[in-house]
Amino acid sequence: MSKTIDKLQFIQKLRDNLTIMVGGFMTVGTPELLIDWVVESNVKNLTIICNDAGYPEHGVGKLIQNNQVKTLIASHIGLNPVAGVKMSQGDLEVILVPQGTLAEQIRAFGAGLGGILTPTGVNTVVEKEKQIITVNNTPYLLETSLGADLALILAHQSDRLGNLTYDKTARNFNPVMATAATTVVAVVTTMVDFIDPEIIVTPHIFIDDIVIKAGD
């Protein structure tokens, strides 16, 4: 059963050198409240796994702007010029991963798999230093699974157990990230007594803590 926590309890979970997954797509579905609390904590040397670098003042861009991120694993950073500058100056390591590959690496970790085979990146710079496995005469890259110490996600509704639903496209990376971290904290806009099991997207067994932010 998930438990409801407050700001102080959340910040107590943070420390330097964490690997943190952050849900969202161009900051849609991103738990801005939790990112603000991470900024306030001022923890350093974070590895952030996210679809993108957000914007300078939104999403994980706030962590990059505050010099808290050592490594960013993402599909693109073009929306955040600050990330581009830091990468060019050597202040931020950026590992760019094709978007579908990134999603599948995360899903694989949640499923207990060692990795995935994908044709994406074969015969490009992406295959450098990666194992190539041939199946039925087709070469595939072995991409290892990807997990985190902490996942920060945004949901719409939660029941008292911590079962979650999502709001339209805010669903994006959030459900798969909820399966792939040691600790998962979800911000929800509404707490209800009951959710029809047929519409639950993320079962409560994946959710450790709930933060309620009404009206988001």
N, C-alpha and C. Protein backbone atom coordinates (compact mmCIF):
# COMPACT_ATOMS: atom_id res chain seq x y z
N MET A 1 0.84 -1.20 0.00
CA MET A 1 0.00 0.00 0.00
C MET A 1 0.87 1.25 0.00
N SER A 2 0.61 2.16 -0.90
CA SER A 2 1.37 3.41 -0.97
C SER A 2 1.01 4.31 0.21
N LYS A 3 1.93 5.20 0.55
CA LYS A 3 1.64 6.13 1.63
C LYS A 3 1.76 7.57 1.11
N THR A 4 1.01 8.45 1.72
CA THR A 4 1.04 9.86 1.35
C THR A 4 2.16 10.56 2.12
N ILE A 5 2.98 11.32 1.40
CA ILE A 5 4.10 12.01 2.04
C ILE A 5 4.03 13.50 1.74
N ASP A 6 4.80 14.27 2.51
CA ASP A 6 4.86 15.72 2.30
C ASP A 6 6.24 16.11 1.78
N LYS A 7 6.45 17.38 1.66
CA LYS A 7 7.70 17.91 1.10
C LYS A 7 8.92 17.45 1.89
N LEU A 8 8.88 17.58 3.21
CA LEU A 8 10.03 17.21 4.03
C LEU A 8 10.35 15.73 3.89
N GLN A 9 9.34 14.90 3.90
CA GLN A 9 9.55 13.45 3.76
C GLN A 9 10.14 13.11 2.39
N PHE A 10 9.72 13.84 1.36
CA PHE A 10 10.28 13.61 0.03
C PHE A 10 11.75 14.01 -0.01
N ILE A 11 12.07 15.17 0.49
CA ILE A 11 13.45 15.65 0.43
C ILE A 11 14.38 14.72 1.20
N GLN A 12 13.88 14.10 2.24
CA GLN A 12 14.71 13.16 3.01
C GLN A 12 15.12 11.93 2.19
N LYS A 13 14.43 11.68 1.10
CA LYS A 13 14.76 10.56 0.22
C LYS A 13 15.91 10.89 -0.73
N LEU A 14 16.26 12.14 -0.85
CA LEU A 14 17.22 12.58 -1.85
C LEU A 14 18.64 12.58 -1.30
N ARG A 15 19.58 12.32 -2.20
CA ARG A 15 21.00 12.40 -1.85
C ARG A 15 21.79 12.61 -3.15
N ASP A 16 23.03 12.98 -3.01
CA ASP A 16 23.89 13.15 -4.17
C ASP A 16 24.04 11.82 -4.92
N ASN A 17 24.30 11.92 -6.22
CA ASN A 17 24.65 10.77 -7.07
C ASN A 17 23.50 9.82 -7.37
N LEU A 18 22.28 10.22 -7.11
CA LEU A 18 21.13 9.38 -7.45
C LEU A 18 20.93 9.31 -8.96
N THR A 19 20.36 8.19 -9.41
CA THR A 19 19.83 8.10 -10.77
C THR A 19 18.31 8.24 -10.66
N ILE A 20 17.77 9.26 -11.34
CA ILE A 20 16.36 9.60 -11.20
C ILE A 20 15.68 9.59 -12.57
N MET A 21 14.61 8.83 -12.70
CA MET A 21 13.76 8.88 -13.88
C MET A 21 12.68 9.94 -13.66
N VAL A 22 12.40 10.70 -14.71
CA VAL A 22 11.37 11.73 -14.63
C VAL A 22 10.41 11.57 -15.80
N GLY A 23 9.15 11.37 -15.49
CA GLY A 23 8.15 11.21 -16.54
C GLY A 23 7.89 12.50 -17.28
N GLY A 24 7.23 12.36 -18.43
CA GLY A 24 6.86 13.53 -19.21
C GLY A 24 7.40 13.50 -20.62
N PHE A 25 6.78 14.32 -21.46
CA PHE A 25 7.17 14.47 -22.86
C PHE A 25 7.07 15.96 -23.17
N MET A 26 8.23 16.61 -23.34
CA MET A 26 8.26 18.07 -23.51
C MET A 26 7.55 18.75 -22.34
N THR A 27 7.74 18.20 -21.17
CA THR A 27 7.21 18.62 -19.86
C THR A 27 5.73 18.32 -19.67
N VAL A 28 5.03 17.79 -20.68
CA VAL A 28 3.66 17.34 -20.46
C VAL A 28 3.71 16.03 -19.69
N GLY A 29 3.07 15.99 -18.53
CA GLY A 29 3.14 14.81 -17.69
C GLY A 29 4.33 14.79 -16.76
N THR A 30 5.02 15.92 -16.66
CA THR A 30 6.18 16.00 -15.77
C THR A 30 5.75 16.48 -14.37
N PRO A 31 6.23 15.85 -13.32
CA PRO A 31 5.87 16.25 -11.95
C PRO A 31 6.66 17.48 -11.50
N GLU A 32 6.22 18.65 -11.94
CA GLU A 32 6.96 19.89 -11.67
C GLU A 32 7.16 20.13 -10.18
N LEU A 33 6.16 19.79 -9.37
CA LEU A 33 6.28 20.01 -7.93
C LEU A 33 7.47 19.25 -7.36
N LEU A 34 7.64 17.99 -7.75
CA LEU A 34 8.75 17.20 -7.23
C LEU A 34 10.08 17.72 -7.74
N ILE A 35 10.12 18.18 -8.98
CA ILE A 35 11.36 18.75 -9.50
C ILE A 35 11.73 20.01 -8.72
N ASP A 36 10.74 20.83 -8.40
CA ASP A 36 11.00 22.02 -7.59
C ASP A 36 11.60 21.63 -6.24
N TRP A 37 11.12 20.56 -5.65
CA TRP A 37 11.65 20.12 -4.37
C TRP A 37 13.07 19.56 -4.50
N VAL A 38 13.35 18.91 -5.62
CA VAL A 38 14.73 18.45 -5.86
C VAL A 38 15.65 19.65 -6.02
N VAL A 39 15.20 20.67 -6.74
CA VAL A 39 15.99 21.90 -6.88
C VAL A 39 16.27 22.49 -5.51
N GLU A 40 15.25 22.57 -4.68
CA GLU A 40 15.40 23.15 -3.34
C GLU A 40 16.37 22.35 -2.49
N SER A 41 16.41 21.04 -2.67
CA SER A 41 17.30 20.20 -1.88
C SER A 41 18.76 20.43 -2.23
N ASN A 42 18.99 20.85 -3.48
CA ASN A 42 20.35 21.15 -3.98
C ASN A 42 21.26 19.92 -4.01
N VAL A 43 20.70 18.72 -4.10
CA VAL A 43 21.54 17.53 -4.28
C VAL A 43 22.25 17.63 -5.63
N LYS A 44 23.42 16.99 -5.73
CA LYS A 44 24.29 17.17 -6.89
C LYS A 44 24.61 15.83 -7.58
N ASN A 45 25.28 15.97 -8.73
CA ASN A 45 25.80 14.81 -9.47
C ASN A 45 24.72 13.79 -9.81
N LEU A 46 23.57 14.27 -10.20
CA LEU A 46 22.46 13.40 -10.52
C LEU A 46 22.58 12.86 -11.94
N THR A 47 22.15 11.63 -12.12
CA THR A 47 21.92 11.09 -13.46
C THR A 47 20.42 11.13 -13.69
N ILE A 48 20.00 11.86 -14.71
CA ILE A 48 18.58 12.03 -15.00
C ILE A 48 18.23 11.25 -16.26
N ILE A 49 17.19 10.45 -16.17
CA ILE A 49 16.66 9.73 -17.32
C ILE A 49 15.30 10.33 -17.63
N CYS A 50 15.18 10.91 -18.81
CA CYS A 50 13.95 11.60 -19.19
C CYS A 50 13.85 11.61 -20.70
N ASN A 51 12.66 11.76 -21.23
CA ASN A 51 12.52 11.83 -22.67
C ASN A 51 13.35 12.95 -23.28
N ASP A 52 13.44 14.08 -22.56
CA ASP A 52 14.11 15.26 -23.11
C ASP A 52 14.72 16.07 -21.98
N ALA A 53 15.28 17.23 -22.34
CA ALA A 53 15.91 18.10 -21.34
C ALA A 53 14.98 19.17 -20.82
N GLY A 54 13.69 19.06 -21.15
CA GLY A 54 12.74 20.08 -20.74
C GLY A 54 13.07 21.43 -21.36
N TYR A 55 12.67 22.47 -20.68
CA TYR A 55 12.99 23.85 -21.05
C TYR A 55 13.84 24.45 -19.92
N PRO A 56 14.52 25.57 -20.15
CA PRO A 56 15.36 26.12 -19.08
C PRO A 56 14.61 26.33 -17.76
N GLU A 57 13.33 26.71 -17.83
CA GLU A 57 12.58 26.99 -16.60
C GLU A 57 11.46 25.99 -16.34
N HIS A 58 11.49 24.88 -17.07
CA HIS A 58 10.44 23.88 -16.88
C HIS A 58 11.03 22.48 -16.96
N GLY A 59 10.38 21.55 -16.25
CA GLY A 59 10.83 20.16 -16.30
C GLY A 59 12.22 19.99 -15.74
N VAL A 60 12.94 18.98 -16.25
CA VAL A 60 14.28 18.71 -15.74
C VAL A 60 15.26 19.82 -16.11
N GLY A 61 14.82 20.71 -16.99
CA GLY A 61 15.66 21.87 -17.30
C GLY A 61 16.00 22.70 -16.08
N LYS A 62 15.12 22.70 -15.09
CA LYS A 62 15.39 23.44 -13.85
C LYS A 62 16.57 22.83 -13.09
N LEU A 63 16.68 21.50 -13.14
CA LEU A 63 17.80 20.83 -12.49
C LEU A 63 19.10 21.08 -13.25
N ILE A 64 19.02 21.07 -14.57
CA ILE A 64 20.20 21.36 -15.40
C ILE A 64 20.66 22.79 -15.18
N GLN A 65 19.71 23.70 -15.16
CA GLN A 65 20.02 25.12 -14.93
C GLN A 65 20.70 25.33 -13.59
N ASN A 66 20.31 24.53 -12.60
CA ASN A 66 20.85 24.68 -11.24
C ASN A 66 22.12 23.85 -11.02
N ASN A 67 22.69 23.32 -12.10
CA ASN A 67 23.96 22.58 -12.04
C ASN A 67 23.90 21.35 -11.13
N GLN A 68 22.74 20.69 -11.13
CA GLN A 68 22.59 19.49 -10.29
C GLN A 68 22.75 18.19 -11.07
N VAL A 69 22.82 18.30 -12.40
CA VAL A 69 22.82 17.10 -13.23
C VAL A 69 24.21 16.84 -13.79
N LYS A 70 24.71 15.64 -13.55
CA LYS A 70 25.99 15.22 -14.09
C LYS A 70 25.81 14.57 -15.46
N THR A 71 24.79 13.71 -15.57
CA THR A 71 24.54 12.96 -16.80
C THR A 71 23.06 13.01 -17.12
N LEU A 72 22.75 13.25 -18.38
CA LEU A 72 21.37 13.24 -18.85
C LEU A 72 21.24 12.16 -19.92
N ILE A 73 20.33 11.22 -19.70
CA ILE A 73 20.02 10.20 -20.69
C ILE A 73 18.65 10.54 -21.26
N ALA A 74 18.60 10.90 -22.54
CA ALA A 74 17.37 11.43 -23.13
C ALA A 74 17.35 11.17 -24.63
N SER A 75 16.21 11.44 -25.23
CA SER A 75 16.07 11.27 -26.67
C SER A 75 16.43 12.53 -27.45
N HIS A 76 16.24 13.70 -26.85
CA HIS A 76 16.63 14.94 -27.52
C HIS A 76 16.74 16.06 -26.48
N ILE A 77 17.50 17.08 -26.82
CA ILE A 77 17.69 18.21 -25.90
C ILE A 77 17.44 19.54 -26.59
N GLY A 78 16.90 19.50 -27.81
CA GLY A 78 16.81 20.70 -28.62
C GLY A 78 15.92 21.80 -28.07
N LEU A 79 15.02 21.47 -27.14
CA LEU A 79 14.14 22.49 -26.57
C LEU A 79 14.82 23.30 -25.47
N ASN A 80 16.00 22.87 -25.06
CA ASN A 80 16.67 23.51 -23.93
C ASN A 80 18.07 23.96 -24.35
N PRO A 81 18.25 25.22 -24.76
CA PRO A 81 19.57 25.68 -25.17
C PRO A 81 20.61 25.64 -24.06
N VAL A 82 20.16 25.73 -22.81
CA VAL A 82 21.10 25.66 -21.69
C VAL A 82 21.77 24.29 -21.66
N ALA A 83 20.99 23.24 -21.91
CA ALA A 83 21.56 21.90 -21.94
C ALA A 83 22.58 21.77 -23.06
N GLY A 84 22.28 22.37 -24.22
CA GLY A 84 23.22 22.32 -25.34
C GLY A 84 24.53 23.01 -25.02
N VAL A 85 24.45 24.15 -24.38
CA VAL A 85 25.66 24.89 -24.00
C VAL A 85 26.48 24.11 -23.00
N LYS A 86 25.82 23.57 -21.98
CA LYS A 86 26.54 22.80 -20.96
C LYS A 86 27.19 21.56 -21.55
N MET A 87 26.50 20.92 -22.50
CA MET A 87 27.07 19.76 -23.15
C MET A 87 28.32 20.16 -23.95
N SER A 88 28.22 21.26 -24.70
CA SER A 88 29.34 21.71 -25.52
C SER A 88 30.54 22.12 -24.67
N GLN A 89 30.28 22.65 -23.48
CA GLN A 89 31.35 23.09 -22.60
C GLN A 89 31.91 21.95 -21.75
N GLY A 90 31.31 20.77 -21.83
CA GLY A 90 31.78 19.64 -21.05
C GLY A 90 31.27 19.62 -19.62
N ASP A 91 30.26 20.44 -19.33
CA ASP A 91 29.72 20.49 -17.97
C ASP A 91 28.56 19.52 -17.77
N LEU A 92 28.08 18.93 -18.85
CA LEU A 92 26.97 18.00 -18.77
C LEU A 92 27.20 16.87 -19.76
N GLU A 93 27.24 15.65 -19.26
CA GLU A 93 27.31 14.49 -20.15
C GLU A 93 25.91 14.19 -20.66
N VAL A 94 25.76 14.14 -21.96
CA VAL A 94 24.46 13.83 -22.56
C VAL A 94 24.57 12.53 -23.35
N ILE A 95 23.74 11.57 -22.99
CA ILE A 95 23.68 10.30 -23.71
C ILE A 95 22.35 10.28 -24.47
N LEU A 96 22.43 10.44 -25.79
CA LEU A 96 21.22 10.49 -26.61
C LEU A 96 20.83 9.08 -27.04
N VAL A 97 19.58 8.75 -26.83
CA VAL A 97 19.06 7.41 -27.12
C VAL A 97 17.81 7.56 -27.98
N PRO A 98 17.68 6.80 -29.07
CA PRO A 98 16.44 6.85 -29.85
C PRO A 98 15.23 6.64 -28.93
N GLN A 99 14.18 7.39 -29.20
CA GLN A 99 13.07 7.43 -28.25
C GLN A 99 12.43 6.07 -27.99
N GLY A 100 12.18 5.31 -29.04
CA GLY A 100 11.60 3.98 -28.85
C GLY A 100 12.52 3.06 -28.09
N THR A 101 13.82 3.18 -28.36
CA THR A 101 14.80 2.36 -27.64
C THR A 101 14.80 2.71 -26.17
N LEU A 102 14.74 4.01 -25.86
CA LEU A 102 14.73 4.45 -24.46
C LEU A 102 13.52 3.87 -23.73
N ALA A 103 12.36 3.97 -24.34
CA ALA A 103 11.14 3.44 -23.71
C ALA A 103 11.25 1.94 -23.48
N GLU A 104 11.81 1.22 -24.46
CA GLU A 104 11.92 -0.22 -24.35
C GLU A 104 12.99 -0.65 -23.34
N GLN A 105 14.06 0.12 -23.22
CA GLN A 105 15.07 -0.18 -22.20
C GLN A 105 14.46 -0.09 -20.80
N ILE A 106 13.65 0.92 -20.60
CA ILE A 106 12.98 1.11 -19.31
C ILE A 106 11.97 0.00 -19.06
N ARG A 107 11.17 -0.29 -20.09
CA ARG A 107 10.18 -1.36 -19.96
C ARG A 107 10.85 -2.70 -19.65
N ALA A 108 11.98 -2.96 -20.32
CA ALA A 108 12.70 -4.21 -20.10
C ALA A 108 13.15 -4.35 -18.65
N PHE A 109 13.65 -3.26 -18.08
CA PHE A 109 14.07 -3.32 -16.67
C PHE A 109 12.89 -3.66 -15.78
N GLY A 110 11.76 -3.02 -16.02
CA GLY A 110 10.57 -3.29 -15.22
C GLY A 110 10.08 -4.72 -15.36
N ALA A 111 10.35 -5.32 -16.51
CA ALA A 111 9.93 -6.70 -16.75
C ALA A 111 10.97 -7.72 -16.30
N GLY A 112 12.07 -7.25 -15.76
CA GLY A 112 13.11 -8.16 -15.29
C GLY A 112 13.98 -8.72 -16.39
N LEU A 113 14.03 -8.03 -17.54
CA LEU A 113 14.84 -8.48 -18.67
C LEU A 113 16.19 -7.79 -18.68
N GLY A 114 17.16 -8.45 -19.28
CA GLY A 114 18.51 -7.88 -19.32
C GLY A 114 18.68 -6.81 -20.37
N GLY A 115 17.80 -6.81 -21.36
CA GLY A 115 17.91 -5.81 -22.42
C GLY A 115 16.97 -6.14 -23.56
N ILE A 116 17.15 -5.44 -24.67
CA ILE A 116 16.32 -5.64 -25.85
C ILE A 116 17.21 -5.73 -27.09
N LEU A 117 16.67 -6.29 -28.14
CA LEU A 117 17.34 -6.29 -29.44
C LEU A 117 16.59 -5.33 -30.36
N THR A 118 17.30 -4.40 -30.97
CA THR A 118 16.67 -3.43 -31.85
C THR A 118 17.52 -3.20 -33.09
N PRO A 119 16.88 -3.03 -34.25
CA PRO A 119 17.64 -2.70 -35.45
C PRO A 119 18.00 -1.22 -35.54
N THR A 120 17.38 -0.42 -34.67
CA THR A 120 17.62 1.02 -34.72
C THR A 120 19.06 1.34 -34.32
N GLY A 121 19.76 1.98 -35.20
CA GLY A 121 21.15 2.36 -34.92
C GLY A 121 22.19 1.48 -35.57
N VAL A 122 21.76 0.35 -36.14
CA VAL A 122 22.72 -0.51 -36.84
C VAL A 122 23.32 0.25 -38.02
N ASN A 123 24.64 0.11 -38.19
CA ASN A 123 25.38 0.78 -39.26
C ASN A 123 25.42 2.29 -39.10
N THR A 124 25.26 2.76 -37.85
CA THR A 124 25.42 4.18 -37.54
C THR A 124 26.36 4.32 -36.35
N VAL A 125 26.63 5.56 -35.94
CA VAL A 125 27.50 5.78 -34.78
C VAL A 125 26.89 5.21 -33.51
N VAL A 126 25.59 4.95 -33.52
CA VAL A 126 24.92 4.42 -32.34
C VAL A 126 25.45 3.04 -31.96
N GLU A 127 25.91 2.27 -32.95
CA GLU A 127 26.35 0.91 -32.66
C GLU A 127 27.75 0.83 -32.06
N LYS A 128 28.45 1.95 -31.95
CA LYS A 128 29.80 1.95 -31.43
C LYS A 128 29.86 1.35 -30.03
N GLU A 129 30.74 0.38 -29.86
CA GLU A 129 30.99 -0.29 -28.58
C GLU A 129 29.79 -1.08 -28.07
N LYS A 130 28.83 -1.39 -28.95
CA LYS A 130 27.68 -2.19 -28.54
C LYS A 130 27.73 -3.56 -29.21
N GLN A 131 27.17 -4.52 -28.55
CA GLN A 131 27.14 -5.89 -29.08
C GLN A 131 26.08 -6.01 -30.17
N ILE A 132 26.46 -6.62 -31.29
CA ILE A 132 25.54 -6.85 -32.39
C ILE A 132 25.20 -8.34 -32.42
N ILE A 133 23.92 -8.64 -32.41
CA ILE A 133 23.44 -10.02 -32.43
C ILE A 133 22.60 -10.22 -33.69
N THR A 134 22.91 -11.25 -34.43
CA THR A 134 22.19 -11.53 -35.66
C THR A 134 21.12 -12.59 -35.42
N VAL A 135 19.90 -12.28 -35.80
CA VAL A 135 18.77 -13.19 -35.67
C VAL A 135 18.10 -13.31 -37.04
N ASN A 136 18.02 -14.52 -37.56
CA ASN A 136 17.42 -14.74 -38.88
C ASN A 136 18.04 -13.83 -39.94
N ASN A 137 19.36 -13.75 -39.88
CA ASN A 137 20.14 -12.98 -40.84
C ASN A 137 19.95 -11.47 -40.73
N THR A 138 19.33 -11.02 -39.67
CA THR A 138 19.14 -9.58 -39.46
C THR A 138 19.94 -9.14 -38.24
N PRO A 139 20.80 -8.13 -38.38
CA PRO A 139 21.59 -7.66 -37.24
C PRO A 139 20.78 -6.75 -36.31
N TYR A 140 20.97 -6.95 -35.03
CA TYR A 140 20.31 -6.13 -34.02
C TYR A 140 21.35 -5.65 -33.01
N LEU A 141 21.11 -4.47 -32.45
CA LEU A 141 21.93 -3.99 -31.33
C LEU A 141 21.33 -4.51 -30.03
N LEU A 142 22.20 -4.96 -29.15
CA LEU A 142 21.77 -5.29 -27.80
C LEU A 142 21.82 -4.03 -26.96
N GLU A 143 20.66 -3.55 -26.55
CA GLU A 143 20.57 -2.39 -25.66
C GLU A 143 20.16 -2.89 -24.28
N THR A 144 21.01 -2.66 -23.29
CA THR A 144 20.74 -3.17 -21.95
C THR A 144 19.59 -2.42 -21.30
N SER A 145 18.95 -3.09 -20.35
CA SER A 145 17.80 -2.49 -19.67
C SER A 145 18.26 -1.31 -18.81
N LEU A 146 17.30 -0.45 -18.48
CA LEU A 146 17.63 0.83 -17.83
C LEU A 146 16.71 1.04 -16.63
N GLY A 147 17.32 1.09 -15.43
CA GLY A 147 16.56 1.32 -14.20
C GLY A 147 17.09 2.53 -13.46
N ALA A 148 16.48 2.84 -12.32
CA ALA A 148 16.86 4.03 -11.56
C ALA A 148 16.67 3.80 -10.07
N ASP A 149 17.31 4.65 -9.29
CA ASP A 149 17.09 4.63 -7.84
C ASP A 149 15.71 5.18 -7.50
N LEU A 150 15.28 6.18 -8.27
CA LEU A 150 14.06 6.92 -7.94
C LEU A 150 13.35 7.30 -9.22
N ALA A 151 12.03 7.12 -9.26
CA ALA A 151 11.22 7.59 -10.38
C ALA A 151 10.23 8.63 -9.87
N LEU A 152 10.15 9.74 -10.58
CA LEU A 152 9.22 10.82 -10.26
C LEU A 152 8.19 10.89 -11.37
N ILE A 153 6.93 10.65 -11.04
CA ILE A 153 5.92 10.59 -12.07
C ILE A 153 4.72 11.47 -11.71
N LEU A 154 3.92 11.78 -12.73
CA LEU A 154 2.71 12.58 -12.55
C LEU A 154 1.51 11.76 -12.99
N ALA A 155 0.54 11.61 -12.12
CA ALA A 155 -0.69 10.89 -12.45
C ALA A 155 -1.88 11.83 -12.25
N HIS A 156 -3.04 11.33 -12.61
CA HIS A 156 -4.27 12.12 -12.43
C HIS A 156 -4.96 11.73 -11.14
N GLN A 157 -5.43 10.50 -11.07
CA GLN A 157 -6.13 10.03 -9.88
C GLN A 157 -5.36 8.92 -9.18
N SER A 158 -5.52 8.88 -7.88
CA SER A 158 -5.05 7.75 -7.08
C SER A 158 -6.15 7.36 -6.12
N ASP A 159 -6.27 6.05 -5.87
CA ASP A 159 -7.15 5.63 -4.78
C ASP A 159 -6.31 5.49 -3.51
N ARG A 160 -6.93 5.02 -2.44
CA ARG A 160 -6.24 4.98 -1.15
C ARG A 160 -5.09 3.99 -1.13
N LEU A 161 -5.10 3.03 -2.06
CA LEU A 161 -4.01 2.06 -2.13
C LEU A 161 -2.82 2.59 -2.93
N GLY A 162 -3.09 3.51 -3.87
CA GLY A 162 -2.04 4.02 -4.74
C GLY A 162 -2.17 3.56 -6.18
N ASN A 163 -3.30 2.97 -6.55
CA ASN A 163 -3.57 2.67 -7.95
C ASN A 163 -3.76 3.97 -8.72
N LEU A 164 -3.22 4.04 -9.94
CA LEU A 164 -3.18 5.32 -10.65
C LEU A 164 -3.88 5.28 -12.00
N THR A 165 -4.45 6.44 -12.36
CA THR A 165 -4.86 6.71 -13.73
C THR A 165 -4.14 7.98 -14.19
N TYR A 166 -4.16 8.23 -15.50
CA TYR A 166 -3.45 9.38 -16.07
C TYR A 166 -4.39 10.22 -16.92
N ASP A 167 -3.96 11.45 -17.18
CA ASP A 167 -4.78 12.39 -17.95
C ASP A 167 -4.26 12.48 -19.39
N LYS A 168 -4.93 11.80 -20.29
CA LYS A 168 -4.65 11.89 -21.72
C LYS A 168 -3.16 11.66 -22.03
N THR A 169 -2.53 12.59 -22.77
CA THR A 169 -1.15 12.37 -23.21
C THR A 169 -0.13 12.52 -22.08
N ALA A 170 -0.57 12.98 -20.91
CA ALA A 170 0.34 13.03 -19.76
C ALA A 170 0.74 11.64 -19.31
N ARG A 171 0.08 10.65 -19.89
CA ARG A 171 0.42 9.26 -19.56
C ARG A 171 1.83 8.91 -20.04
N ASN A 172 2.19 9.27 -21.24
CA ASN A 172 3.48 9.02 -21.91
C ASN A 172 4.44 8.07 -21.17
N PHE A 173 5.58 8.60 -20.68
CA PHE A 173 6.60 7.75 -20.06
C PHE A 173 6.27 7.35 -18.61
N ASN A 174 5.27 7.96 -18.02
CA ASN A 174 5.04 7.76 -16.59
C ASN A 174 4.76 6.31 -16.19
N PRO A 175 3.85 5.59 -16.86
CA PRO A 175 3.58 4.22 -16.41
C PRO A 175 4.78 3.28 -16.51
N VAL A 176 5.55 3.40 -17.58
CA VAL A 176 6.68 2.48 -17.73
C VAL A 176 7.78 2.80 -16.73
N MET A 177 7.98 4.09 -16.44
CA MET A 177 8.99 4.46 -15.44
C MET A 177 8.59 4.00 -14.05
N ALA A 178 7.29 3.92 -13.80
CA ALA A 178 6.83 3.47 -12.48
C ALA A 178 7.23 2.03 -12.19
N THR A 179 7.57 1.27 -13.22
CA THR A 179 7.94 -0.14 -13.02
C THR A 179 9.45 -0.34 -12.89
N ALA A 180 10.23 0.73 -13.07
CA ALA A 180 11.67 0.53 -13.29
C ALA A 180 12.57 1.25 -12.29
N ALA A 181 12.07 1.55 -11.11
CA ALA A 181 12.89 2.23 -10.11
C ALA A 181 12.72 1.59 -8.75
N THR A 182 13.73 1.73 -7.92
CA THR A 182 13.68 1.18 -6.57
C THR A 182 12.59 1.86 -5.74
N THR A 183 12.49 3.18 -5.88
CA THR A 183 11.46 3.95 -5.19
C THR A 183 10.71 4.80 -6.21
N VAL A 184 9.39 4.80 -6.12
CA VAL A 184 8.56 5.56 -7.06
C VAL A 184 7.67 6.52 -6.26
N VAL A 185 7.76 7.81 -6.63
CA VAL A 185 6.94 8.83 -6.01
C VAL A 185 6.05 9.45 -7.08
N ALA A 186 4.76 9.47 -6.83
CA ALA A 186 3.80 10.00 -7.80
C ALA A 186 3.10 11.23 -7.24
N VAL A 187 3.04 12.27 -8.05
CA VAL A 187 2.18 13.41 -7.75
C VAL A 187 0.82 13.14 -8.38
N VAL A 188 -0.25 13.32 -7.61
CA VAL A 188 -1.59 13.13 -8.15
C VAL A 188 -2.42 14.39 -7.87
N THR A 189 -3.38 14.64 -8.75
CA THR A 189 -4.23 15.82 -8.57
C THR A 189 -5.49 15.51 -7.80
N THR A 190 -5.86 14.22 -7.75
CA THR A 190 -7.10 13.84 -7.09
C THR A 190 -6.92 12.52 -6.36
N MET A 191 -7.37 12.48 -5.11
CA MET A 191 -7.41 11.23 -4.34
C MET A 191 -8.87 10.81 -4.20
N VAL A 192 -9.17 9.57 -4.59
CA VAL A 192 -10.54 9.06 -4.52
C VAL A 192 -10.55 7.77 -3.71
N ASP A 193 -11.74 7.37 -3.31
CA ASP A 193 -11.86 6.15 -2.51
C ASP A 193 -11.79 4.89 -3.36
N PHE A 194 -12.22 5.01 -4.62
CA PHE A 194 -12.29 3.80 -5.45
C PHE A 194 -12.06 4.15 -6.90
N ILE A 195 -11.27 3.32 -7.60
CA ILE A 195 -11.10 3.42 -9.04
C ILE A 195 -11.49 2.07 -9.64
N ASP A 196 -12.30 2.11 -10.66
CA ASP A 196 -12.69 0.89 -11.35
C ASP A 196 -11.44 0.14 -11.79
N PRO A 197 -11.26 -1.10 -11.38
CA PRO A 197 -10.05 -1.85 -11.76
C PRO A 197 -9.82 -1.90 -13.27
N GLU A 198 -10.87 -1.77 -14.06
CA GLU A 198 -10.74 -1.85 -15.51
C GLU A 198 -10.02 -0.64 -16.09
N ILE A 199 -9.94 0.47 -15.35
CA ILE A 199 -9.29 1.66 -15.90
C ILE A 199 -7.98 2.00 -15.17
N ILE A 200 -7.58 1.18 -14.22
CA ILE A 200 -6.30 1.40 -13.55
C ILE A 200 -5.17 1.17 -14.55
N VAL A 201 -4.24 2.11 -14.62
CA VAL A 201 -3.09 1.98 -15.53
C VAL A 201 -1.87 1.46 -14.77
N THR A 202 -1.57 2.07 -13.64
CA THR A 202 -0.44 1.63 -12.82
C THR A 202 -0.94 1.05 -11.50
N PRO A 203 -0.76 -0.25 -11.28
CA PRO A 203 -1.19 -0.84 -10.01
C PRO A 203 -0.38 -0.32 -8.83
N HIS A 204 -0.99 -0.32 -7.68
CA HIS A 204 -0.37 0.27 -6.48
C HIS A 204 0.91 -0.43 -6.06
N ILE A 205 1.12 -1.68 -6.49
CA ILE A 205 2.34 -2.39 -6.08
C ILE A 205 3.60 -1.70 -6.57
N PHE A 206 3.48 -0.85 -7.60
CA PHE A 206 4.65 -0.15 -8.12
C PHE A 206 4.90 1.19 -7.44
N ILE A 207 3.94 1.68 -6.68
CA ILE A 207 4.01 3.04 -6.14
C ILE A 207 4.33 3.02 -4.66
N ASP A 208 5.41 3.69 -4.29
CA ASP A 208 5.80 3.75 -2.88
C ASP A 208 5.14 4.91 -2.15
N ASP A 209 5.15 6.08 -2.79
CA ASP A 209 4.69 7.30 -2.10
C ASP A 209 3.83 8.15 -3.03
N ILE A 210 2.87 8.83 -2.43
CA ILE A 210 1.95 9.72 -3.15
C ILE A 210 2.08 11.13 -2.57
N VAL A 211 2.17 12.11 -3.46
CA VAL A 211 2.09 13.52 -3.07
C VAL A 211 0.84 14.09 -3.74
N ILE A 212 -0.05 14.69 -2.96
CA ILE A 212 -1.29 15.22 -3.51
C ILE A 212 -1.13 16.70 -3.82
N LYS A 213 -1.41 17.04 -5.07
CA LYS A 213 -1.37 18.45 -5.50
C LYS A 213 -2.66 18.75 -6.25
N ALA A 214 -3.64 19.19 -5.55
CA ALA A 214 -4.94 19.43 -6.15
C ALA A 214 -4.88 20.60 -7.12
N GLY A 215 -5.65 20.47 -8.19
CA GLY A 215 -5.78 21.58 -9.12
C GLY A 215 -4.70 21.70 -10.15
N ASP A 216 -3.79 20.75 -10.26
CA ASP A 216 -2.71 20.84 -11.24
C ASP A 216 -3.19 20.37 -12.60
